[in-house]
């Protein structure tokens, strides 16, 4: 089975990671120690070029967002883009004042951010957006949100290494801003689930630390992976190259493919039940029909062989 539905890195992590994980396995009878946590915080802070006090690490992006919702959604509106893949939004239904979904409509996927200015909301934005692959908010619009009303803003930069766009430099000036990043994508550690907040003062003062919930092998792997930034960059470059090759091939087959700044493509296809037909050929893609628009699909960037298999299968379906 070829899985192009989960936005995972198709390439393995740095070879250095395996020896680090092996060392971590030698002490599974012991709880993770303060020195190991300190090394992780320092490695993350150095990578992001922020102070260590800004870093709050945890076992995965969904975990961090769930905790943010639990801590800060009470009595507030929760504003998200639609569609959204944040699993923690289900929890917000029970504690938030209301959930407001900003509908993304092709082909521009534009959002009128002025419509949510002056509110007291918890705003969660993925940047680039999943599934469009587009950066939906710019710096001026974000600053407007941060300075208007009493809103808290969370920016999910899971695909930062692919887009090159970040708002990390705003965290120092805006205590109501937090950036979420992960080592799942560019660093290929999805199986270990290490994510982190780069948090403004408001979040630092009111949000607990979750580093202790990261297991020892994951912590060791994260520290070593961050040391081998060149390997991660090479992996990202390969994915971007294959993304553009896949986009070109799909457009040749008559599909409408949105430009992407992430590790996936948003595709509109006239082939009936494309995801189901590909599944019959042991290829998984994301079908957005049930949660958003019919005939729209999100396809993760695989390696060259996986993409070739995808293109070959779609060519047969097209004929």
Protein backbone atom coordinates (compact mmCIF):
# COMPACT_ATOMS: atom_id res chain seq x y z
CA UNK A 1 0.00 0.00 0.00
CA UNK A 2 1.29 3.47 -0.95
CA UNK A 3 0.10 6.04 1.59
CA UNK A 4 -0.09 9.56 0.14
CA UNK A 5 -2.79 10.66 2.57
CA UNK A 6 -0.91 11.54 5.75
CA UNK A 7 1.57 14.32 4.80
CA UNK A 8 4.49 12.29 6.09
CA UNK A 9 8.08 12.65 4.98
CA UNK A 10 8.72 9.82 2.47
CA UNK A 11 12.42 9.72 3.37
CA UNK A 12 13.97 8.35 6.58
CA UNK A 13 15.46 10.68 9.21
CA UNK A 14 19.14 11.47 9.54
CA UNK A 15 21.25 8.30 10.08
CA UNK A 16 22.46 9.93 13.28
CA UNK A 17 18.96 9.59 14.73
CA UNK A 18 19.07 5.78 14.89
CA UNK A 19 22.09 5.67 17.18
CA UNK A 20 20.52 8.33 19.41
CA UNK A 21 17.31 6.31 19.72
CA UNK A 22 19.33 3.19 20.53
CA UNK A 23 21.07 4.99 23.39
CA UNK A 24 17.69 6.13 24.69
CA UNK A 25 16.45 2.56 24.70
CA UNK A 26 19.22 1.58 27.10
CA UNK A 27 17.53 3.47 29.96
CA UNK A 28 13.87 2.69 29.48
CA UNK A 29 13.58 1.74 33.15
CA UNK A 30 14.30 5.37 34.12
CA UNK A 31 12.18 8.50 33.75
CA UNK A 32 13.52 11.20 31.46
CA UNK A 33 15.77 13.62 33.33
CA UNK A 34 16.01 17.40 33.64
CA UNK A 35 19.34 17.47 31.81
CA UNK A 36 17.82 15.75 28.77
CA UNK A 37 14.88 18.15 28.77
CA UNK A 38 17.25 21.12 28.99
CA UNK A 39 19.18 19.82 25.98
CA UNK A 40 15.97 19.55 23.97
CA UNK A 41 14.83 23.06 24.88
CA UNK A 42 18.22 24.48 23.98
CA UNK A 43 18.32 22.63 20.66
CA UNK A 44 14.84 23.89 19.74
CA UNK A 45 15.62 27.45 20.86
CA UNK A 46 18.87 27.51 18.87
CA UNK A 47 17.13 26.17 15.78
CA UNK A 48 14.37 28.80 15.98
CA UNK A 49 16.74 31.57 17.13
CA UNK A 50 14.60 32.41 20.17
CA UNK A 51 15.21 32.35 23.90
CA UNK A 52 14.72 29.06 25.72
CA UNK A 53 11.96 30.52 27.88
CA UNK A 54 9.80 30.75 24.72
CA UNK A 55 9.95 27.00 24.10
CA UNK A 56 7.21 24.65 25.33
CA UNK A 57 7.65 21.17 23.89
CA UNK A 58 5.13 18.36 23.88
CA UNK A 59 4.26 14.96 22.38
CA UNK A 60 2.71 16.06 19.10
CA UNK A 61 0.85 19.01 17.58
CA UNK A 62 -2.61 17.61 18.32
CA UNK A 63 -1.65 17.29 21.98
CA UNK A 64 -0.47 20.90 22.19
CA UNK A 65 -3.54 22.27 20.43
CA UNK A 66 -5.82 20.24 22.69
CA UNK A 67 -4.10 21.73 25.75
CA UNK A 68 -4.35 25.24 24.29
CA UNK A 69 -8.06 24.76 23.66
CA UNK A 70 -8.54 23.40 27.19
CA UNK A 71 -6.70 26.31 28.76
CA UNK A 72 -7.89 29.25 26.67
CA UNK A 73 -11.14 28.48 24.80
CA UNK A 74 -13.47 28.88 27.79
CA UNK A 75 -15.80 31.82 27.19
CA UNK A 76 -14.15 32.71 23.89
CA UNK A 77 -15.03 32.20 20.27
CA UNK A 78 -12.72 29.70 18.57
CA UNK A 79 -11.96 30.77 15.01
CA UNK A 80 -10.52 28.30 12.52
CA UNK A 81 -10.28 27.91 8.78
CA UNK A 82 -12.60 25.45 7.06
CA UNK A 83 -11.72 22.74 6.28
CA UNK A 84 -9.62 22.07 9.35
CA UNK A 85 -7.64 19.01 10.39
CA UNK A 86 -7.22 20.04 14.04
CA UNK A 87 -8.66 17.13 16.00
CA UNK A 88 -8.82 19.18 19.21
CA UNK A 89 -11.59 21.36 17.79
CA UNK A 90 -14.06 18.69 18.90
CA UNK A 91 -13.15 19.54 22.49
CA UNK A 92 -13.78 23.23 21.82
CA UNK A 93 -17.43 22.43 21.08
CA UNK A 94 -17.94 21.75 24.78
CA UNK A 95 -16.15 24.75 26.30
CA UNK A 96 -15.95 27.59 23.77
CA UNK A 97 -18.64 30.21 23.36
CA UNK A 98 -18.94 29.17 19.72
CA UNK A 99 -16.80 27.86 16.88
CA UNK A 100 -16.55 30.14 13.87
CA UNK A 101 -15.30 28.55 10.64
CA UNK A 102 -13.88 30.79 7.93
CA UNK A 103 -14.75 29.06 4.69
CA UNK A 104 -11.98 28.64 2.12
CA UNK A 105 -13.37 28.91 -1.40
CA UNK A 106 -11.36 28.11 -4.53
CA UNK A 107 -9.59 29.34 -6.48
CA UNK A 108 -8.37 32.28 -4.35
CA UNK A 109 -8.92 30.78 -0.85
CA UNK A 110 -9.07 34.35 0.42
CA UNK A 111 -10.18 35.22 3.95
CA UNK A 112 -11.57 38.61 4.94
CA UNK A 113 -9.65 38.94 8.18
CA UNK A 114 -11.30 42.30 8.93
CA UNK A 115 -14.47 40.36 9.75
CA UNK A 116 -12.89 38.90 12.90
CA UNK A 117 -11.08 41.99 14.18
CA UNK A 118 -12.02 43.34 17.59
CA UNK A 119 -13.17 40.01 18.98
CA UNK A 120 -12.14 38.08 22.08
CA UNK A 121 -11.31 34.84 20.35
CA UNK A 122 -8.87 31.98 20.19
CA UNK A 123 -7.75 32.03 16.56
CA UNK A 124 -5.98 28.94 15.18
CA UNK A 125 -4.44 29.24 11.71
CA UNK A 126 -2.28 26.75 9.85
CA UNK A 127 0.44 28.47 7.82
CA UNK A 128 0.69 27.15 5.12
CA UNK A 129 -2.88 25.96 5.24
CA UNK A 130 -3.83 22.32 5.11
CA UNK A 131 -5.25 21.30 2.59
CA UNK A 132 -4.72 24.23 0.18
CA UNK A 133 -0.94 24.49 0.65
CA UNK A 134 -1.32 28.28 0.59
CA UNK A 135 -0.28 30.87 3.19
CA UNK A 136 -3.70 32.37 3.96
CA UNK A 137 -2.64 35.21 6.26
CA UNK A 138 0.14 37.77 5.77
CA UNK A 139 2.15 39.75 8.30
CA UNK A 140 -0.01 42.88 8.16
CA UNK A 141 -3.20 40.88 8.63
CA UNK A 142 -1.73 38.93 11.54
CA UNK A 143 -0.56 42.07 13.33
CA UNK A 144 -4.06 43.49 12.86
CA UNK A 145 -5.50 40.41 14.61
CA UNK A 146 -2.96 40.61 17.43
CA UNK A 147 -3.56 44.30 18.08
CA UNK A 148 -7.35 44.26 17.76
CA UNK A 149 -9.63 43.19 20.59
CA UNK A 150 -8.48 40.58 23.06
CA UNK A 151 -7.69 37.65 20.81
CA UNK A 152 -5.11 34.92 21.27
CA UNK A 153 -3.56 33.71 18.02
CA UNK A 154 -2.01 30.32 17.36
CA UNK A 155 -0.10 29.84 14.10
CA UNK A 156 0.64 26.25 13.11
CA UNK A 157 3.89 26.31 11.13
CA UNK A 158 4.16 22.54 10.66
CA UNK A 159 5.35 23.12 7.08
CA UNK A 160 7.61 26.09 7.82
CA UNK A 161 10.65 24.36 6.35
CA UNK A 162 8.81 24.00 3.02
CA UNK A 163 7.32 27.51 2.84
CA UNK A 164 10.20 29.46 4.40
CA UNK A 165 7.58 31.83 5.86
CA UNK A 166 7.44 32.38 9.61
CA UNK A 167 6.07 34.80 12.19
CA UNK A 168 8.45 33.72 14.95
CA UNK A 169 10.04 37.18 15.11
CA UNK A 170 6.68 38.63 16.25
CA UNK A 171 6.48 36.49 19.39
CA UNK A 172 8.72 38.77 21.44
CA UNK A 173 6.53 41.82 20.73
CA UNK A 174 3.14 40.09 20.99
CA UNK A 175 2.51 38.10 24.19
CA UNK A 176 -0.80 36.85 22.74
CA UNK A 177 0.93 35.00 19.89
CA UNK A 178 2.22 31.43 19.86
CA UNK A 179 3.75 29.47 17.01
CA UNK A 180 3.47 25.68 16.80
CA UNK A 181 6.11 23.69 14.94
CA UNK A 182 6.90 20.01 14.66
CA UNK A 183 9.74 17.65 13.83
CA UNK A 184 7.27 15.32 12.06
CA UNK A 185 7.70 16.76 8.57
CA UNK A 186 11.11 18.15 7.56
CA UNK A 187 12.98 16.09 10.17
CA UNK A 188 11.02 12.88 9.43
CA UNK A 189 10.19 12.06 13.08
CA UNK A 190 6.43 11.51 12.69
CA UNK A 191 6.70 8.18 14.49
CA UNK A 192 8.12 9.86 17.60
CA UNK A 193 5.78 12.89 17.76
CA UNK A 194 7.86 15.82 19.00
CA UNK A 195 6.26 19.25 18.56
CA UNK A 196 6.73 22.55 20.32
CA UNK A 197 5.34 26.01 20.97
CA UNK A 198 7.31 29.21 20.51
CA UNK A 199 5.17 31.08 22.98
CA UNK A 200 4.57 34.73 23.78
CA UNK A 201 4.62 35.88 27.41
CA UNK A 202 0.88 35.35 27.94
CA UNK A 203 1.20 31.66 27.11
CA UNK A 204 4.47 31.28 29.01
CA UNK A 205 2.84 32.61 32.17
CA UNK A 206 -0.32 30.50 31.97
CA UNK A 207 0.67 27.34 30.16
CA UNK A 208 2.34 24.36 31.78
CA UNK A 209 5.43 22.65 30.45
CA UNK A 210 4.92 19.26 28.81
CA UNK A 211 8.48 18.20 28.02
CA UNK A 212 8.23 15.49 30.69
CA UNK A 213 5.64 13.71 28.54
CA UNK A 214 8.14 13.25 25.70
CA UNK A 215 9.76 9.84 25.98
CA UNK A 216 13.52 9.43 26.22
CA UNK A 217 14.16 7.94 22.72
CA UNK A 218 12.04 10.71 21.13
CA UNK A 219 13.90 13.40 23.08
CA UNK A 220 17.30 12.00 22.08
CA UNK A 221 16.24 11.67 18.45
CA UNK A 222 14.94 15.26 18.37
CA UNK A 223 18.18 16.71 19.74
CA UNK A 224 20.32 14.80 17.24
CA UNK A 225 18.00 15.52 14.30
CA UNK A 226 18.22 19.24 15.02
CA UNK A 227 22.00 18.99 14.90
CA UNK A 228 21.82 17.58 11.36
CA UNK A 229 19.99 20.48 9.75
CA UNK A 230 21.76 19.90 6.44
CA UNK A 231 20.20 16.45 6.16
CA UNK A 232 16.71 17.87 6.83
CA UNK A 233 17.22 20.62 4.26
CA UNK A 234 18.27 18.07 1.67
CA UNK A 235 15.14 16.06 2.42
CA UNK A 236 12.97 19.18 2.07
CA UNK A 237 14.64 20.08 -1.24
CA UNK A 238 13.93 16.58 -2.59
CA UNK A 239 10.29 16.80 -1.52
CA UNK A 240 9.83 20.23 -3.11
CA UNK A 241 11.38 18.97 -6.34
CA UNK A 242 9.07 15.94 -6.41
CA UNK A 243 6.09 18.13 -5.49
CA UNK A 244 6.61 20.30 -8.54
CA UNK A 245 7.20 17.27 -10.77
CA UNK A 246 3.98 15.71 -9.47
CA UNK A 247 2.10 18.96 -10.00
CA UNK A 248 3.29 19.16 -13.62
CA UNK A 249 2.35 15.54 -14.30
CA UNK A 250 -1.12 15.91 -12.77
CA UNK A 251 -1.79 19.08 -14.74
CA UNK A 252 -0.75 17.21 -17.89
CA UNK A 253 -3.51 14.73 -17.07
CA UNK A 254 -6.05 17.56 -17.03
CA UNK A 255 -6.30 18.11 -13.28
CA UNK A 256 -6.57 21.49 -11.59
CA UNK A 257 -3.71 21.65 -9.08
CA UNK A 258 -3.27 24.53 -6.63
CA UNK A 259 0.24 25.95 -6.12
CA UNK A 260 1.61 24.68 -2.82
CA UNK A 261 4.09 25.86 -0.20
CA UNK A 262 3.80 22.61 1.74
CA UNK A 263 4.54 18.90 1.33
CA UNK A 264 1.23 18.12 -0.37
CA UNK A 265 -0.94 19.24 -3.28
CA UNK A 266 -4.61 20.15 -3.46
CA UNK A 267 -6.12 18.60 -6.58
CA UNK A 268 -9.49 18.99 -8.28
CA UNK A 269 -10.33 16.02 -10.51
CA UNK A 270 -13.24 15.09 -12.75
CA UNK A 271 -12.43 11.37 -12.46
CA UNK A 272 -15.40 9.87 -10.57
CA UNK A 273 -14.53 8.63 -7.06
CA UNK A 274 -10.81 9.16 -7.61
CA UNK A 275 -9.78 8.29 -4.06
CA UNK A 276 -11.84 5.10 -4.06
CA UNK A 277 -10.50 4.03 -7.44
CA UNK A 278 -6.91 4.62 -6.36
CA UNK A 279 -7.51 2.70 -3.14
CA UNK A 280 -8.45 -0.28 -5.28
CA UNK A 281 -4.96 0.05 -6.73
CA UNK A 282 -3.40 0.20 -3.23
CA UNK A 283 -2.79 3.97 -3.27
CA UNK A 284 -4.23 6.18 -0.53
CA UNK A 285 -4.94 9.91 -0.99
CA UNK A 286 -6.98 12.36 1.09
CA UNK A 287 -10.61 12.69 -0.05
CA UNK A 288 -12.06 16.07 0.96
CA UNK A 289 -15.56 15.45 -0.39
CA UNK A 290 -17.08 14.53 2.96
CA UNK A 291 -15.76 17.56 4.87
CA UNK A 292 -15.45 20.28 2.23
CA UNK A 293 -15.95 20.16 -1.54
CA UNK A 294 -16.72 17.32 -3.94
CA UNK A 295 -13.95 16.18 -6.29
CA UNK A 296 -11.18 17.81 -4.23
CA UNK A 297 -8.28 15.71 -2.97
CA UNK A 298 -5.14 16.28 -0.92
CA UNK A 299 -2.17 14.27 -2.14
CA UNK A 300 1.00 14.06 -0.04
CA UNK A 301 4.33 14.18 -1.80
CA UNK A 302 5.87 10.72 -1.84
CA UNK A 303 9.21 9.58 -3.15
CA UNK A 304 9.89 9.26 -6.89
CA UNK A 305 8.73 5.65 -7.13
CA UNK A 306 5.49 6.36 -5.25
CA UNK A 307 4.70 9.38 -7.42
CA UNK A 308 5.42 7.40 -10.57
CA UNK A 309 2.99 4.72 -9.39
CA UNK A 310 0.36 7.38 -8.67
CA UNK A 311 0.72 8.99 -12.09
CA UNK A 312 0.57 5.62 -13.85
CA UNK A 313 -2.61 4.69 -11.96
CA UNK A 314 -4.29 8.02 -12.76
CA UNK A 315 -3.32 7.70 -16.43
CA UNK A 316 -5.14 4.37 -16.56
CA UNK A 317 -8.21 5.84 -14.84
CA UNK A 318 -8.20 8.79 -17.25
CA UNK A 319 -8.30 6.47 -20.21
